[in-house]
N, C-alpha and C. Protein backbone atom coordinates (compact mmCIF):
# COMPACT_ATOMS: atom_id res chain seq x y z
N MET A 1 0.84 -1.18 0.00
CA MET A 1 0.00 0.00 0.00
C MET A 1 0.88 1.24 0.00
N ASP A 2 0.49 2.20 -0.74
CA ASP A 2 1.29 3.42 -0.86
C ASP A 2 1.02 4.36 0.30
N SER A 3 1.95 5.27 0.50
CA SER A 3 1.79 6.23 1.59
C SER A 3 0.76 7.29 1.20
N PRO A 4 0.03 7.81 2.18
CA PRO A 4 -1.01 8.79 1.85
C PRO A 4 -0.40 10.12 1.42
N PRO A 5 -1.05 10.81 0.51
CA PRO A 5 -0.57 12.14 0.14
C PRO A 5 -0.82 13.12 1.28
N VAL A 6 -0.09 14.21 1.27
CA VAL A 6 -0.30 15.21 2.31
C VAL A 6 -1.71 15.78 2.19
N LEU A 7 -2.08 16.17 0.98
CA LEU A 7 -3.43 16.66 0.71
C LEU A 7 -3.89 16.10 -0.62
N ASP A 8 -5.10 15.56 -0.66
CA ASP A 8 -5.64 15.14 -1.95
C ASP A 8 -6.35 16.33 -2.59
N ARG A 9 -6.91 16.10 -3.75
CA ARG A 9 -7.52 17.21 -4.51
C ARG A 9 -8.68 17.84 -3.76
N GLN A 10 -9.52 17.03 -3.13
CA GLN A 10 -10.67 17.55 -2.40
C GLN A 10 -10.22 18.36 -1.18
N ALA A 11 -9.20 17.88 -0.48
CA ALA A 11 -8.71 18.61 0.69
C ALA A 11 -8.05 19.92 0.28
N ALA A 12 -7.33 19.92 -0.84
CA ALA A 12 -6.71 21.15 -1.32
C ALA A 12 -7.77 22.19 -1.69
N ALA A 13 -8.85 21.74 -2.33
CA ALA A 13 -9.93 22.67 -2.68
C ALA A 13 -10.59 23.23 -1.42
N THR A 14 -10.78 22.38 -0.42
CA THR A 14 -11.36 22.83 0.85
C THR A 14 -10.44 23.84 1.53
N LEU A 15 -9.15 23.55 1.51
CA LEU A 15 -8.18 24.45 2.14
C LEU A 15 -8.14 25.80 1.44
N ILE A 16 -8.17 25.80 0.12
CA ILE A 16 -8.15 27.07 -0.63
C ILE A 16 -9.43 27.87 -0.35
N ALA A 17 -10.57 27.20 -0.38
CA ALA A 17 -11.84 27.90 -0.12
C ALA A 17 -11.88 28.45 1.30
N GLY A 18 -11.45 27.66 2.26
CA GLY A 18 -11.44 28.11 3.65
C GLY A 18 -10.46 29.25 3.87
N ALA A 19 -9.29 29.17 3.22
CA ALA A 19 -8.30 30.25 3.36
C ALA A 19 -8.82 31.54 2.74
N LEU A 20 -9.54 31.44 1.63
CA LEU A 20 -10.13 32.64 1.03
C LEU A 20 -11.18 33.26 1.96
N LEU A 21 -12.01 32.42 2.56
CA LEU A 21 -13.00 32.95 3.51
C LEU A 21 -12.33 33.60 4.71
N LEU A 22 -11.28 32.98 5.22
CA LEU A 22 -10.55 33.58 6.34
C LEU A 22 -9.89 34.89 5.93
N ALA A 23 -9.36 34.95 4.72
CA ALA A 23 -8.73 36.18 4.25
C ALA A 23 -9.76 37.30 4.13
N ILE A 24 -10.94 36.97 3.61
CA ILE A 24 -12.00 37.98 3.51
C ILE A 24 -12.38 38.47 4.90
N SER A 25 -12.55 37.55 5.82
CA SER A 25 -12.90 37.93 7.19
C SER A 25 -11.79 38.76 7.83
N PHE A 26 -10.55 38.35 7.62
CA PHE A 26 -9.41 39.05 8.22
C PHE A 26 -9.30 40.48 7.70
N PHE A 27 -9.31 40.63 6.38
CA PHE A 27 -9.10 41.95 5.81
C PHE A 27 -10.32 42.87 5.94
N SER A 28 -11.50 42.31 6.19
CA SER A 28 -12.66 43.18 6.40
C SER A 28 -12.77 43.62 7.85
N ASN A 29 -12.08 42.91 8.77
CA ASN A 29 -12.15 43.26 10.19
C ASN A 29 -10.92 44.01 10.68
N ILE A 30 -9.79 43.89 10.01
CA ILE A 30 -8.54 44.49 10.46
C ILE A 30 -8.15 45.57 9.47
N GLY A 31 -7.82 46.73 9.96
CA GLY A 31 -7.36 47.80 9.08
C GLY A 31 -5.97 47.50 8.55
N TYR A 32 -5.66 48.04 7.39
CA TYR A 32 -4.35 47.80 6.80
C TYR A 32 -3.24 48.38 7.67
N GLY A 33 -3.51 49.47 8.37
CA GLY A 33 -2.50 50.05 9.25
C GLY A 33 -2.16 49.13 10.40
N ALA A 34 -3.12 48.33 10.84
CA ALA A 34 -2.88 47.42 11.95
C ALA A 34 -1.94 46.29 11.53
N LEU A 35 -1.90 45.96 10.25
CA LEU A 35 -1.00 44.91 9.79
C LEU A 35 0.46 45.34 9.89
N ILE A 36 0.71 46.58 9.57
CA ILE A 36 2.07 47.08 9.58
C ILE A 36 2.53 47.38 11.01
N HIS A 37 1.67 47.98 11.81
CA HIS A 37 2.01 48.37 13.18
C HIS A 37 1.14 47.58 14.14
N LEU A 38 1.38 46.29 14.28
CA LEU A 38 0.52 45.45 15.11
C LEU A 38 0.58 45.85 16.57
N ARG A 39 1.70 46.37 17.02
CA ARG A 39 1.79 46.79 18.43
C ARG A 39 0.87 47.97 18.71
N ALA A 40 0.64 48.79 17.68
CA ALA A 40 -0.22 49.95 17.86
C ALA A 40 -1.70 49.59 17.71
N ALA A 41 -1.99 48.37 17.28
CA ALA A 41 -3.38 47.96 17.08
C ALA A 41 -4.06 47.74 18.43
N ALA A 42 -5.35 47.93 18.42
CA ALA A 42 -6.12 47.68 19.64
C ALA A 42 -6.06 46.21 20.00
N LEU A 43 -6.31 45.93 21.27
CA LEU A 43 -6.21 44.55 21.76
C LEU A 43 -7.17 43.62 21.04
N ASP A 44 -8.39 44.07 20.75
CA ASP A 44 -9.35 43.21 20.07
C ASP A 44 -8.88 42.88 18.66
N GLU A 45 -8.15 43.79 18.00
CA GLU A 45 -7.61 43.50 16.68
C GLU A 45 -6.47 42.48 16.77
N GLN A 46 -5.65 42.57 17.83
CA GLN A 46 -4.57 41.61 18.01
C GLN A 46 -5.13 40.21 18.29
N ILE A 47 -6.17 40.14 19.06
CA ILE A 47 -6.80 38.85 19.35
C ILE A 47 -7.40 38.28 18.07
N GLY A 48 -7.98 39.15 17.23
CA GLY A 48 -8.54 38.70 15.96
C GLY A 48 -7.51 38.04 15.07
N VAL A 49 -6.30 38.57 15.06
CA VAL A 49 -5.21 37.96 14.27
C VAL A 49 -4.95 36.55 14.78
N CYS A 50 -4.86 36.38 16.09
CA CYS A 50 -4.61 35.05 16.67
C CYS A 50 -5.75 34.08 16.37
N LEU A 51 -6.98 34.57 16.44
CA LEU A 51 -8.11 33.69 16.15
C LEU A 51 -8.14 33.26 14.69
N HIS A 52 -7.79 34.16 13.78
CA HIS A 52 -7.73 33.80 12.36
C HIS A 52 -6.63 32.77 12.11
N LEU A 53 -5.48 32.93 12.76
CA LEU A 53 -4.40 31.95 12.60
C LEU A 53 -4.80 30.60 13.19
N ALA A 54 -5.50 30.61 14.32
CA ALA A 54 -5.96 29.35 14.92
C ALA A 54 -6.98 28.66 14.01
N ALA A 55 -7.86 29.43 13.40
CA ALA A 55 -8.84 28.84 12.48
C ALA A 55 -8.15 28.25 11.26
N LEU A 56 -7.11 28.93 10.77
CA LEU A 56 -6.37 28.41 9.62
C LEU A 56 -5.65 27.11 9.99
N ALA A 57 -5.06 27.06 11.18
CA ALA A 57 -4.39 25.84 11.63
C ALA A 57 -5.38 24.69 11.77
N ALA A 58 -6.56 24.96 12.30
CA ALA A 58 -7.59 23.92 12.43
C ALA A 58 -8.05 23.45 11.05
N LEU A 59 -8.16 24.36 10.10
CA LEU A 59 -8.57 24.01 8.75
C LEU A 59 -7.54 23.10 8.09
N VAL A 60 -6.26 23.41 8.25
CA VAL A 60 -5.20 22.57 7.68
C VAL A 60 -5.23 21.18 8.31
N GLY A 61 -5.36 21.12 9.62
CA GLY A 61 -5.43 19.83 10.30
C GLY A 61 -6.62 19.00 9.86
N ASP A 62 -7.76 19.64 9.69
CA ASP A 62 -8.96 18.94 9.24
C ASP A 62 -8.80 18.42 7.81
N ALA A 63 -8.19 19.22 6.95
CA ALA A 63 -7.97 18.79 5.57
C ALA A 63 -7.02 17.61 5.50
N GLU A 64 -5.96 17.63 6.32
CA GLU A 64 -5.02 16.50 6.34
C GLU A 64 -5.70 15.23 6.88
N LEU A 65 -6.51 15.39 7.93
CA LEU A 65 -7.22 14.23 8.49
C LEU A 65 -8.18 13.64 7.47
N ALA A 66 -8.92 14.49 6.77
CA ALA A 66 -9.86 14.00 5.76
C ALA A 66 -9.12 13.26 4.64
N THR A 67 -7.95 13.75 4.26
CA THR A 67 -7.15 13.08 3.24
C THR A 67 -6.75 11.69 3.71
N ARG A 68 -6.26 11.60 4.95
CA ARG A 68 -5.83 10.29 5.47
C ARG A 68 -7.01 9.32 5.57
N LEU A 69 -8.18 9.81 5.99
CA LEU A 69 -9.35 8.93 6.11
C LEU A 69 -9.81 8.42 4.75
N ARG A 70 -9.81 9.30 3.74
CA ARG A 70 -10.19 8.85 2.39
C ARG A 70 -9.17 7.86 1.84
N HIS A 71 -7.90 8.10 2.13
CA HIS A 71 -6.85 7.18 1.67
C HIS A 71 -6.99 5.81 2.34
N ARG A 72 -7.26 5.82 3.65
CA ARG A 72 -7.44 4.55 4.38
C ARG A 72 -8.65 3.79 3.86
N ALA A 73 -9.76 4.51 3.61
CA ALA A 73 -10.96 3.86 3.10
C ALA A 73 -10.71 3.25 1.72
N ARG A 74 -9.97 3.96 0.88
CA ARG A 74 -9.65 3.44 -0.45
C ARG A 74 -8.77 2.19 -0.35
N ASN A 75 -7.79 2.20 0.56
CA ASN A 75 -6.93 1.03 0.75
C ASN A 75 -7.73 -0.17 1.28
N GLU A 76 -8.64 0.09 2.21
CA GLU A 76 -9.46 -1.00 2.74
C GLU A 76 -10.37 -1.57 1.66
N GLU A 77 -10.87 -0.72 0.79
CA GLU A 77 -11.70 -1.18 -0.31
C GLU A 77 -10.89 -2.06 -1.29
N ILE A 78 -9.65 -1.68 -1.52
CA ILE A 78 -8.78 -2.49 -2.39
C ILE A 78 -8.51 -3.85 -1.76
N VAL A 79 -8.24 -3.85 -0.45
CA VAL A 79 -7.96 -5.11 0.25
C VAL A 79 -9.19 -6.01 0.22
N ARG A 80 -10.38 -5.45 0.44
CA ARG A 80 -11.61 -6.26 0.39
C ARG A 80 -11.85 -6.80 -1.01
N GLY A 81 -11.49 -6.04 -2.02
CA GLY A 81 -11.68 -6.48 -3.39
C GLY A 81 -10.76 -7.63 -3.76
N LYS A 82 -9.59 -7.74 -3.12
CA LYS A 82 -8.65 -8.83 -3.41
C LYS A 82 -9.03 -10.13 -2.72
N GLN A 83 -9.88 -10.05 -1.70
CA GLN A 83 -10.24 -11.27 -0.96
C GLN A 83 -11.31 -12.06 -1.62
C-alpha cells in the first residue's frame, strides 16, 4: 500500500476555499494600518489575528485528516476487493 498524500484534490480545494474565507474575514475586520504596526493595534484586533491563525491551523489539520481517512478507506476497499 502506498503512503497517503499530504493533501488530496478535495482537501486542497477545501483548504483554498477556507483560506479565502478567512482572508476575507481578516481583511474586512482588520485595518491595513494594523498589519504594519501590530503593536499599535487595539487589543481586540490583536486577538482577531490570533483567532484567524488558529482557524487556519484547524482548517489545515482537518484537511489532512480528511485526506488520510479517504486514503485509508480506499486502501481497505482495495484489500476487500482482493479477498
